[in-house]
Every structure is written in C-alpha cells, then in structure tokens.
Amino acid sequence: MNKIQKWILIIHMVMIILFGILLVPFKLVYGPERMIFDLKYAPLWSLVDKSNSVNGFNPVYELQTSRLIYTVLVLTILGAIGFLLASNFKNKIA
C-alpha cells in the first residue's frame, strides 16, 4: 500500500465519521400527525430536544436512515474508486 492509498483511506474514514456521526440528517417532527417542523444535519446524540415545544407538543428528531445510508454508500463508492485509481497509478509508475 503506497502513501496515496493510505491518505485516501484516512480521508475516507474522516468523511465517514463526519457524515455518519457528526452531521446526520434529521427531521424535527411534532404532534399526532407527525408534522415536519425542520430538516437539518445534527450530531447523532441530539435525538431528543425537550427544551422547546411547538403548539404544545415536544418536538422529536427522527433519523432519516435512507438518506444516511445513501450518503455513506456514496462516500464508500468514491473511496473505493480513489483507492483503485491510486493502486492503478502505482502500477503504472513501477
């Protein structure tokens, strides 16, 4: 494994941690009809915020799992392509 591949793996792991734990897609819903109040990216540990209320209901953050899986899948595919291109680049130099 050459230096370029190591850097690609390091960047890939940082991106997975960033978009898989620190910036996770949530939607803020409230009420019995599950009305969507807000869409945002937030840390994984901020699932419930009981400090405010919307129309008398406590809003709850719901994780958008399909969007999260899509983001991680795209990052993994891009990382794999970069890794393969780096290994191909190494073979052409040698």
PDB file of N, CA and C in Angstrom:
ATOM      1  N   MET A   1       0.848  -1.171   0.000  1.00  0.00           N
ATOM      2  CA  MET A   1       0.000   0.000   0.000  1.00  0.00           C
ATOM      3  C   MET A   1       0.899   1.241   0.000  1.00  0.00           C
ATOM      4  N   ASN A   2       0.686   2.114  -0.969  1.00  0.00           N
ATOM      5  CA  ASN A   2       1.526   3.307  -1.059  1.00  0.00           C
ATOM      6  C   ASN A   2       0.937   4.463  -0.244  1.00  0.00           C
ATOM      7  N   LYS A   3       1.642   5.586  -0.258  1.00  0.00           N
ATOM      8  CA  LYS A   3       1.233   6.738   0.560  1.00  0.00           C
ATOM      9  C   LYS A   3      -0.093   7.322   0.108  1.00  0.00           C
ATOM     10  N   ILE A   4      -0.316   7.323  -1.199  1.00  0.00           N
ATOM     11  CA  ILE A   4      -1.569   7.874  -1.718  1.00  0.00           C
ATOM     12  C   ILE A   4      -2.754   7.050  -1.220  1.00  0.00           C
ATOM     13  N   GLN A   5      -2.633   5.735  -1.239  1.00  0.00           N
ATOM     14  CA  GLN A   5      -3.709   4.872  -0.757  1.00  0.00           C
ATOM     15  C   GLN A   5      -3.949   5.068   0.732  1.00  0.00           C
ATOM     16  N   LYS A   6      -2.885   5.240   1.498  1.00  0.00           N
ATOM     17  CA  LYS A   6      -3.053   5.485   2.937  1.00  0.00           C
ATOM     18  C   LYS A   6      -3.793   6.787   3.175  1.00  0.00           C
ATOM     19  N   TRP A   7      -3.448   7.828   2.429  1.00  0.00           N
ATOM     20  CA  TRP A   7      -4.136   9.096   2.590  1.00  0.00           C
ATOM     21  C   TRP A   7      -5.598   9.003   2.170  1.00  0.00           C
ATOM     22  N   ILE A   8      -5.876   8.249   1.123  1.00  0.00           N
ATOM     23  CA  ILE A   8      -7.266   8.068   0.692  1.00  0.00           C
ATOM     24  C   ILE A   8      -8.062   7.352   1.769  1.00  0.00           C
ATOM     25  N   LEU A   9      -7.476   6.319   2.392  1.00  0.00           N
ATOM     26  CA  LEU A   9      -8.171   5.627   3.481  1.00  0.00           C
ATOM     27  C   LEU A   9      -8.394   6.535   4.686  1.00  0.00           C
ATOM     28  N   ILE A  10      -7.416   7.343   5.020  1.00  0.00           N
ATOM     29  CA  ILE A  10      -7.566   8.268   6.150  1.00  0.00           C
ATOM     30  C   ILE A  10      -8.665   9.290   5.860  1.00  0.00           C
ATOM     31  N   ILE A  11      -8.653   9.852   4.666  1.00  0.00           N
ATOM     32  CA  ILE A  11      -9.691  10.826   4.291  1.00  0.00           C
ATOM     33  C   ILE A  11     -11.063  10.168   4.275  1.00  0.00           C
ATOM     34  N   HIS A  12     -11.138   8.943   3.787  1.00  0.00           N
ATOM     35  CA  HIS A  12     -12.405   8.215   3.758  1.00  0.00           C
ATOM     36  C   HIS A  12     -12.937   7.982   5.171  1.00  0.00           C
ATOM     37  N   MET A  13     -12.079   7.577   6.095  1.00  0.00           N
ATOM     38  CA  MET A  13     -12.531   7.338   7.470  1.00  0.00           C
ATOM     39  C   MET A  13     -12.990   8.634   8.141  1.00  0.00           C
ATOM     40  N   VAL A  14     -12.277   9.726   7.880  1.00  0.00           N
ATOM     41  CA  VAL A  14     -12.694  11.015   8.446  1.00  0.00           C
ATOM     42  C   VAL A  14     -14.055  11.431   7.889  1.00  0.00           C
ATOM     43  N   MET A  15     -14.272  11.227   6.599  1.00  0.00           N
ATOM     44  CA  MET A  15     -15.561  11.579   5.990  1.00  0.00           C
ATOM     45  C   MET A  15     -16.692  10.706   6.533  1.00  0.00           C
ATOM     46  N   ILE A  16     -16.432   9.409   6.738  1.00  0.00           N
ATOM     47  CA  ILE A  16     -17.454   8.518   7.304  1.00  0.00           C
ATOM     48  C   ILE A  16     -17.793   8.943   8.725  1.00  0.00           C
ATOM     49  N   ILE A  17     -16.794   9.289   9.517  1.00  0.00           N
ATOM     50  CA  ILE A  17     -17.054   9.754  10.881  1.00  0.00           C
ATOM     51  C   ILE A  17     -17.811  11.079  10.850  1.00  0.00           C
ATOM     52  N   LEU A  18     -17.417  11.978   9.948  1.00  0.00           N
ATOM     53  CA  LEU A  18     -18.071  13.273   9.861  1.00  0.00           C
ATOM     54  C   LEU A  18     -19.534  13.138   9.451  1.00  0.00           C
ATOM     55  N   PHE A  19     -19.802  12.410   8.374  1.00  0.00           N
ATOM     56  CA  PHE A  19     -21.168  12.306   7.864  1.00  0.00           C
ATOM     57  C   PHE A  19     -21.957  11.145   8.454  1.00  0.00           C
ATOM     58  N   GLY A  20     -21.314  10.275   9.229  1.00  0.00           N
ATOM     59  CA  GLY A  20     -22.028   9.166   9.853  1.00  0.00           C
ATOM     60  C   GLY A  20     -22.321   9.374  11.323  1.00  0.00           C
ATOM     61  N   ILE A  21     -21.610  10.320  11.962  1.00  0.00           N
ATOM     62  CA  ILE A  21     -21.813  10.556  13.392  1.00  0.00           C
ATOM     63  C   ILE A  21     -22.062  12.033  13.686  1.00  0.00           C
ATOM     64  N   LEU A  22     -21.264  12.913  13.107  1.00  0.00           N
ATOM     65  CA  LEU A  22     -21.336  14.327  13.471  1.00  0.00           C
ATOM     66  C   LEU A  22     -22.371  15.126  12.686  1.00  0.00           C
ATOM     67  N   LEU A  23     -22.604  14.790  11.444  1.00  0.00           N
ATOM     68  CA  LEU A  23     -23.584  15.502  10.614  1.00  0.00           C
ATOM     69  C   LEU A  23     -24.586  14.508  10.033  1.00  0.00           C
ATOM     70  N   VAL A  24     -25.526  14.107  10.859  1.00  0.00           N
ATOM     71  CA  VAL A  24     -26.508  13.102  10.476  1.00  0.00           C
ATOM     72  C   VAL A  24     -27.814  13.811  10.107  1.00  0.00           C
ATOM     73  N   PRO A  25     -28.488  13.401   9.023  1.00  0.00           N
ATOM     74  CA  PRO A  25     -29.737  14.067   8.630  1.00  0.00           C
ATOM     75  C   PRO A  25     -30.900  13.708   9.568  1.00  0.00           C
ATOM     76  N   PHE A  26     -31.552  14.743  10.098  1.00  0.00           N
ATOM     77  CA  PHE A  26     -32.713  14.583  10.973  1.00  0.00           C
ATOM     78  C   PHE A  26     -33.861  15.405  10.435  1.00  0.00           C
ATOM     79  N   LYS A  27     -35.061  14.983  10.791  1.00  0.00           N
ATOM     80  CA  LYS A  27     -36.216  15.851  10.588  1.00  0.00           C
ATOM     81  C   LYS A  27     -36.889  16.027  11.943  1.00  0.00           C
ATOM     82  N   LEU A  28     -37.262  17.242  12.251  1.00  0.00           N
ATOM     83  CA  LEU A  28     -37.893  17.573  13.517  1.00  0.00           C
ATOM     84  C   LEU A  28     -39.402  17.476  13.325  1.00  0.00           C
ATOM     85  N   VAL A  29     -40.025  16.525  14.004  1.00  0.00           N
ATOM     86  CA  VAL A  29     -41.466  16.308  13.865  1.00  0.00           C
ATOM     87  C   VAL A  29     -42.148  16.551  15.209  1.00  0.00           C
ATOM     88  N   TYR A  30     -43.435  16.892  15.150  1.00  0.00           N
ATOM     89  CA  TYR A  30     -44.207  17.124  16.359  1.00  0.00           C
ATOM     90  C   TYR A  30     -45.670  16.773  16.099  1.00  0.00           C
ATOM     91  N   GLY A  31     -46.388  16.573  17.175  1.00  0.00           N
ATOM     92  CA  GLY A  31     -47.824  16.364  17.109  1.00  0.00           C
ATOM     93  C   GLY A  31     -48.235  14.962  16.710  1.00  0.00           C
ATOM     94  N   PRO A  32     -49.539  14.713  16.829  1.00  0.00           N
ATOM     95  CA  PRO A  32     -50.046  13.368  16.492  1.00  0.00           C
ATOM     96  C   PRO A  32     -49.999  13.071  14.996  1.00  0.00           C
ATOM     97  N   GLU A  33     -49.998  14.120  14.159  1.00  0.00           N
ATOM     98  CA  GLU A  33     -49.939  13.896  12.704  1.00  0.00           C
ATOM     99  C   GLU A  33     -48.513  13.835  12.186  1.00  0.00           C
ATOM    100  N   ARG A  34     -47.537  13.927  13.086  1.00  0.00           N
ATOM    101  CA  ARG A  34     -46.115  13.866  12.741  1.00  0.00           C
ATOM    102  C   ARG A  34     -45.755  14.954  11.727  1.00  0.00           C
ATOM    103  N   MET A  35     -46.184  16.170  12.007  1.00  0.00           N
ATOM    104  CA  MET A  35     -45.903  17.314  11.142  1.00  0.00           C
ATOM    105  C   MET A  35     -44.402  17.603  11.157  1.00  0.00           C
ATOM    106  N   ILE A  36     -43.832  17.836   9.979  1.00  0.00           N
ATOM    107  CA  ILE A  36     -42.408  18.142   9.876  1.00  0.00           C
ATOM    108  C   ILE A  36     -42.219  19.633  10.133  1.00  0.00           C
ATOM    109  N   PHE A  37     -41.395  19.942  11.129  1.00  0.00           N
ATOM    110  CA  PHE A  37     -41.140  21.323  11.509  1.00  0.00           C
ATOM    111  C   PHE A  37     -39.818  21.829  10.949  1.00  0.00           C
ATOM    112  N   ASP A  38     -38.812  20.954  10.871  1.00  0.00           N
ATOM    113  CA  ASP A  38     -37.487  21.393  10.446  1.00  0.00           C
ATOM    114  C   ASP A  38     -36.705  20.194   9.912  1.00  0.00           C
ATOM    115  N   LEU A  39     -35.863  20.434   8.918  1.00  0.00           N
ATOM    116  CA  LEU A  39     -34.920  19.447   8.400  1.00  0.00           C
ATOM    117  C   LEU A  39     -33.523  19.999   8.602  1.00  0.00           C
ATOM    118  N   LYS A  40     -32.641  19.215   9.232  1.00  0.00           N
ATOM    119  CA  LYS A  40     -31.290  19.714   9.450  1.00  0.00           C
ATOM    120  C   LYS A  40     -30.317  18.578   9.675  1.00  0.00           C
ATOM    121  N   TYR A  41     -29.047  18.924   9.627  1.00  0.00           N
ATOM    122  CA  TYR A  41     -27.971  17.998   9.959  1.00  0.00           C
ATOM    123  C   TYR A  41     -27.515  18.320  11.374  1.00  0.00           C
ATOM    124  N   ALA A  42     -27.457  17.305  12.212  1.00  0.00           N
ATOM    125  CA  ALA A  42     -27.084  17.498  13.617  1.00  0.00           C
ATOM    126  C   ALA A  42     -26.257  16.307  14.074  1.00  0.00           C
ATOM    127  N   PRO A  43     -25.558  16.436  15.206  1.00  0.00           N
ATOM    128  CA  PRO A  43     -24.834  15.284  15.749  1.00  0.00           C
ATOM    129  C   PRO A  43     -25.781  14.154  16.126  1.00  0.00           C
ATOM    130  N   LEU A  44     -25.270  12.956  16.106  1.00  0.00           N
ATOM    131  CA  LEU A  44     -26.083  11.771  16.356  1.00  0.00           C
ATOM    132  C   LEU A  44     -26.699  11.768  17.752  1.00  0.00           C
ATOM    133  N   TRP A  45     -26.024  12.368  18.734  1.00  0.00           N
ATOM    134  CA  TRP A  45     -26.508  12.320  20.111  1.00  0.00           C
ATOM    135  C   TRP A  45     -27.598  13.350  20.396  1.00  0.00           C
ATOM    136  N   SER A  46     -28.015  14.147  19.439  1.00  0.00           N
ATOM    137  CA  SER A  46     -29.069  15.136  19.692  1.00  0.00           C
ATOM    138  C   SER A  46     -30.414  14.656  19.148  1.00  0.00           C
ATOM    139  N   LEU A  47     -30.809  13.454  19.513  1.00  0.00           N
ATOM    140  CA  LEU A  47     -32.078  12.904  19.017  1.00  0.00           C
ATOM    141  C   LEU A  47     -33.301  13.561  19.642  1.00  0.00           C
ATOM    142  N   VAL A  48     -33.237  13.932  20.912  1.00  0.00           N
ATOM    143  CA  VAL A  48     -34.403  14.496  21.587  1.00  0.00           C
ATOM    144  C   VAL A  48     -34.031  15.850  22.168  1.00  0.00           C
ATOM    145  N   ASP A  49     -34.863  16.835  21.891  1.00  0.00           N
ATOM    146  CA  ASP A  49     -34.680  18.172  22.454  1.00  0.00           C
ATOM    147  C   ASP A  49     -35.984  18.553  23.141  1.00  0.00           C
ATOM    148  N   LYS A  50     -36.043  18.381  24.449  1.00  0.00           N
ATOM    149  CA  LYS A  50     -37.276  18.660  25.189  1.00  0.00           C
ATOM    150  C   LYS A  50     -37.300  20.078  25.753  1.00  0.00           C
ATOM    151  N   SER A  51     -36.379  20.922  25.334  1.00  0.00           N
ATOM    152  CA  SER A  51     -36.321  22.265  25.889  1.00  0.00           C
ATOM    153  C   SER A  51     -37.363  23.199  25.279  1.00  0.00           C
ATOM    154  N   ASN A  52     -37.827  22.915  24.077  1.00  0.00           N
ATOM    155  CA  ASN A  52     -38.827  23.789  23.466  1.00  0.00           C
ATOM    156  C   ASN A  52     -40.052  22.969  23.074  1.00  0.00           C
ATOM    157  N   SER A  53     -41.145  23.660  22.814  1.00  0.00           N
ATOM    158  CA  SER A  53     -42.359  22.970  22.382  1.00  0.00           C
ATOM    159  C   SER A  53     -42.946  23.717  21.194  1.00  0.00           C
ATOM    160  N   VAL A  54     -43.619  22.957  20.334  1.00  0.00           N
ATOM    161  CA  VAL A  54     -44.267  23.513  19.156  1.00  0.00           C
ATOM    162  C   VAL A  54     -45.740  23.184  19.265  1.00  0.00           C
ATOM    163  N   ASN A  55     -46.575  24.197  19.377  1.00  0.00           N
ATOM    164  CA  ASN A  55     -48.033  24.029  19.529  1.00  0.00           C
ATOM    165  C   ASN A  55     -48.384  23.099  20.683  1.00  0.00           C
ATOM    166  N   GLY A  56     -47.641  23.155  21.762  1.00  0.00           N
ATOM    167  CA  GLY A  56     -47.920  22.339  22.941  1.00  0.00           C
ATOM    168  C   GLY A  56     -47.355  20.932  22.880  1.00  0.00           C
ATOM    169  N   PHE A  57     -46.654  20.568  21.827  1.00  0.00           N
ATOM    170  CA  PHE A  57     -46.077  19.234  21.693  1.00  0.00           C
ATOM    171  C   PHE A  57     -44.565  19.327  21.790  1.00  0.00           C
ATOM    172  N   ASN A  58     -43.953  18.279  22.341  1.00  0.00           N
ATOM    173  CA  ASN A  58     -42.493  18.204  22.370  1.00  0.00           C
ATOM    174  C   ASN A  58     -41.994  17.705  21.017  1.00  0.00           C
ATOM    175  N   PRO A  59     -41.159  18.475  20.348  1.00  0.00           N
ATOM    176  CA  PRO A  59     -40.630  18.008  19.057  1.00  0.00           C
ATOM    177  C   PRO A  59     -39.598  16.897  19.263  1.00  0.00           C
ATOM    178  N   VAL A  60     -39.571  15.989  18.318  1.00  0.00           N
ATOM    179  CA  VAL A  60     -38.646  14.854  18.372  1.00  0.00           C
ATOM    180  C   VAL A  60     -37.895  14.799  17.045  1.00  0.00           C
ATOM    181  N   TYR A  61     -36.590  14.601  17.133  1.00  0.00           N
ATOM    182  CA  TYR A  61     -35.782  14.429  15.928  1.00  0.00           C
ATOM    183  C   TYR A  61     -35.871  12.983  15.472  1.00  0.00           C
ATOM    184  N   GLU A  62     -36.230  12.781  14.223  1.00  0.00           N
ATOM    185  CA  GLU A  62     -36.265  11.442  13.637  1.00  0.00           C
ATOM    186  C   GLU A  62     -35.106  11.321  12.651  1.00  0.00           C
ATOM    187  N   LEU A  63     -34.370  10.251  12.783  1.00  0.00           N
ATOM    188  CA  LEU A  63     -33.229   9.997  11.906  1.00  0.00           C
ATOM    189  C   LEU A  63     -33.727   9.595  10.523  1.00  0.00           C
ATOM    190  N   GLN A  64     -33.186  10.212   9.495  1.00  0.00           N
ATOM    191  CA  GLN A  64     -33.525   9.851   8.123  1.00  0.00           C
ATOM    192  C   GLN A  64     -32.538   8.786   7.660  1.00  0.00           C
ATOM    193  N   THR A  65     -32.883   7.533   7.950  1.00  0.00           N
ATOM    194  CA  THR A  65     -31.944   6.438   7.709  1.00  0.00           C
ATOM    195  C   THR A  65     -31.641   6.234   6.226  1.00  0.00           C
ATOM    196  N   SER A  66     -32.635   6.397   5.369  1.00  0.00           N
ATOM    197  CA  SER A  66     -32.377   6.186   3.938  1.00  0.00           C
ATOM    198  C   SER A  66     -31.374   7.208   3.414  1.00  0.00           C
ATOM    199  N   ARG A  67     -31.501   8.443   3.854  1.00  0.00           N
ATOM    200  CA  ARG A  67     -30.560   9.476   3.424  1.00  0.00           C
ATOM    201  C   ARG A  67     -29.164   9.233   3.996  1.00  0.00           C
ATOM    202  N   LEU A  68     -29.105   8.750   5.236  1.00  0.00           N
ATOM    203  CA  LEU A  68     -27.825   8.444   5.866  1.00  0.00           C
ATOM    204  C   LEU A  68     -27.125   7.285   5.154  1.00  0.00           C
ATOM    205  N   ILE A  69     -27.877   6.233   4.851  1.00  0.00           N
ATOM    206  CA  ILE A  69     -27.312   5.079   4.150  1.00  0.00           C
ATOM    207  C   ILE A  69     -26.841   5.484   2.754  1.00  0.00           C
ATOM    208  N   TYR A  70     -27.623   6.311   2.081  1.00  0.00           N
ATOM    209  CA  TYR A  70     -27.239   6.799   0.751  1.00  0.00           C
ATOM    210  C   TYR A  70     -25.933   7.588   0.816  1.00  0.00           C
ATOM    211  N   THR A  71     -25.802   8.462   1.797  1.00  0.00           N
ATOM    212  CA  THR A  71     -24.592   9.275   1.940  1.00  0.00           C
ATOM    213  C   THR A  71     -23.372   8.408   2.215  1.00  0.00           C
ATOM    214  N   VAL A  72     -23.494   7.451   3.137  1.00  0.00           N
ATOM    215  CA  VAL A  72     -22.376   6.569   3.468  1.00  0.00           C
ATOM    216  C   VAL A  72     -22.019   5.693   2.263  1.00  0.00           C
ATOM    217  N   LEU A  73     -23.017   5.230   1.524  1.00  0.00           N
ATOM    218  CA  LEU A  73     -22.774   4.412   0.335  1.00  0.00           C
ATOM    219  C   LEU A  73     -22.019   5.198  -0.738  1.00  0.00           C
ATOM    220  N   VAL A  74     -22.423   6.438  -0.977  1.00  0.00           N
ATOM    221  CA  VAL A  74     -21.740   7.264  -1.972  1.00  0.00           C
ATOM    222  C   VAL A  74     -20.298   7.538  -1.544  1.00  0.00           C
ATOM    223  N   LEU A  75     -20.083   7.838  -0.251  1.00  0.00           N
ATOM    224  CA  LEU A  75     -18.723   8.064   0.235  1.00  0.00           C
ATOM    225  C   LEU A  75     -17.868   6.811   0.103  1.00  0.00           C
ATOM    226  N   THR A  76     -18.451   5.641   0.353  1.00  0.00           N
ATOM    227  CA  THR A  76     -17.710   4.389   0.235  1.00  0.00           C
ATOM    228  C   THR A  76     -17.351   4.099  -1.224  1.00  0.00           C
ATOM    229  N   ILE A  77     -18.284   4.341  -2.128  1.00  0.00           N
ATOM    230  CA  ILE A  77     -18.001   4.126  -3.549  1.00  0.00           C
ATOM    231  C   ILE A  77     -16.903   5.072  -4.030  1.00  0.00           C
ATOM    232  N   LEU A  78     -16.977   6.343  -3.618  1.00  0.00           N
ATOM    233  CA  LEU A  78     -15.936   7.295  -4.008  1.00  0.00           C
ATOM    234  C   LEU A  78     -14.582   6.914  -3.415  1.00  0.00           C
ATOM    235  N   GLY A  79     -14.568   6.439  -2.178  1.00  0.00           N
ATOM    236  CA  GLY A  79     -13.325   5.992  -1.561  1.00  0.00           C
ATOM    237  C   GLY A  79     -12.746   4.776  -2.275  1.00  0.00           C
ATOM    238  N   ALA A  80     -13.604   3.840  -2.658  1.00  0.00           N
ATOM    239  CA  ALA A  80     -13.135   2.647  -3.371  1.00  0.00           C
ATOM    240  C   ALA A  80     -12.577   3.008  -4.745  1.00  0.00           C
ATOM    241  N   ILE A  81     -13.239   3.922  -5.438  1.00  0.00           N
ATOM    242  CA  ILE A  81     -12.743   4.355  -6.742  1.00  0.00           C
ATOM    243  C   ILE A  81     -11.393   5.045  -6.598  1.00  0.00           C
ATOM    244  N   GLY A  82     -11.268   5.913  -5.598  1.00  0.00           N
ATOM    245  CA  GLY A  82      -9.989   6.578  -5.362  1.00  0.00           C
ATOM    246  C   GLY A  82      -8.892   5.596  -5.006  1.00  0.00           C
ATOM    247  N   PHE A  83      -9.216   4.593  -4.186  1.00  0.00           N
ATOM    248  CA  PHE A  83      -8.248   3.572  -3.804  1.00  0.00           C
ATOM    249  C   PHE A  83      -7.787   2.772  -5.015  1.00  0.00           C
ATOM    250  N   LEU A  84      -8.730   2.387  -5.876  1.00  0.00           N
ATOM    251  CA  LEU A  84      -8.383   1.620  -7.082  1.00  0.00           C
ATOM    252  C   LEU A  84      -7.574   2.465  -8.071  1.00  0.00           C
ATOM    253  N   LEU A  85      -7.923   3.732  -8.197  1.00  0.00           N
ATOM    254  CA  LEU A  85      -7.146   4.605  -9.077  1.00  0.00           C
ATOM    255  C   LEU A  85      -5.730   4.794  -8.549  1.00  0.00           C
ATOM    256  N   ALA A  86      -5.580   4.888  -7.233  1.00  0.00           N
ATOM    257  CA  ALA A  86      -4.249   5.035  -6.654  1.00  0.00           C
ATOM    258  C   ALA A  86      -3.426   3.773  -6.857  1.00  0.00           C
ATOM    259  N   SER A  87      -4.049   2.605  -6.750  1.00  0.00           N
ATOM    260  CA  SER A  87      -3.299   1.367  -6.975  1.00  0.00           C
ATOM    261  C   SER A  87      -2.939   1.224  -8.450  1.00  0.00           C
ATOM    262  N   ASN A  88      -3.810   1.672  -9.341  1.00  0.00           N
ATOM    263  CA  ASN A  88      -3.516   1.649 -10.763  1.00  0.00           C
ATOM    264  C   ASN A  88      -2.394   2.623 -11.093  1.00  0.00           C
ATOM    265  N   PHE A  89      -2.385   3.783 -10.436  1.00  0.00           N
ATOM    266  CA  PHE A  89      -1.334   4.781 -10.614  1.00  0.00           C
ATOM    267  C   PHE A  89       0.003   4.218 -10.152  1.00  0.00           C
ATOM    268  N   LYS A  90      -0.005   3.467  -9.052  1.00  0.00           N
ATOM    269  CA  LYS A  90       1.218   2.860  -8.531  1.00  0.00           C
ATOM    270  C   LYS A  90       1.769   1.836  -9.524  1.00  0.00           C
ATOM    271  N   ASN A  91       0.887   1.045 -10.151  1.00  0.00           N
ATOM    272  CA  ASN A  91       1.335   0.024 -11.105  1.00  0.00           C
ATOM    273  C   ASN A  91       1.914   0.646 -12.367  1.00  0.00           C
ATOM    274  N   LYS A  92       1.403   1.794 -12.788  1.00  0.00           N
ATOM    275  CA  LYS A  92       1.919   2.441 -13.998  1.00  0.00           C
ATOM    276  C   LYS A  92       3.285   3.053 -13.764  1.00  0.00           C
ATOM    277  N   ILE A  93       3.532   3.525 -12.542  1.00  0.00           N
ATOM    278  CA  ILE A  93       4.838   4.115 -12.235  1.00  0.00           C
ATOM    279  C   ILE A  93       5.912   3.046 -12.159  1.00  0.00           C
ATOM    280  N   ALA A  94       5.603   1.900 -11.582  1.00  0.00           N
ATOM    281  CA  ALA A  94       6.590   0.832 -11.367  1.00  0.00           C
ATOM    282  C   ALA A  94       6.953   0.102 -12.634  1.00  0.00           C
TER     283      ALA A  94
END
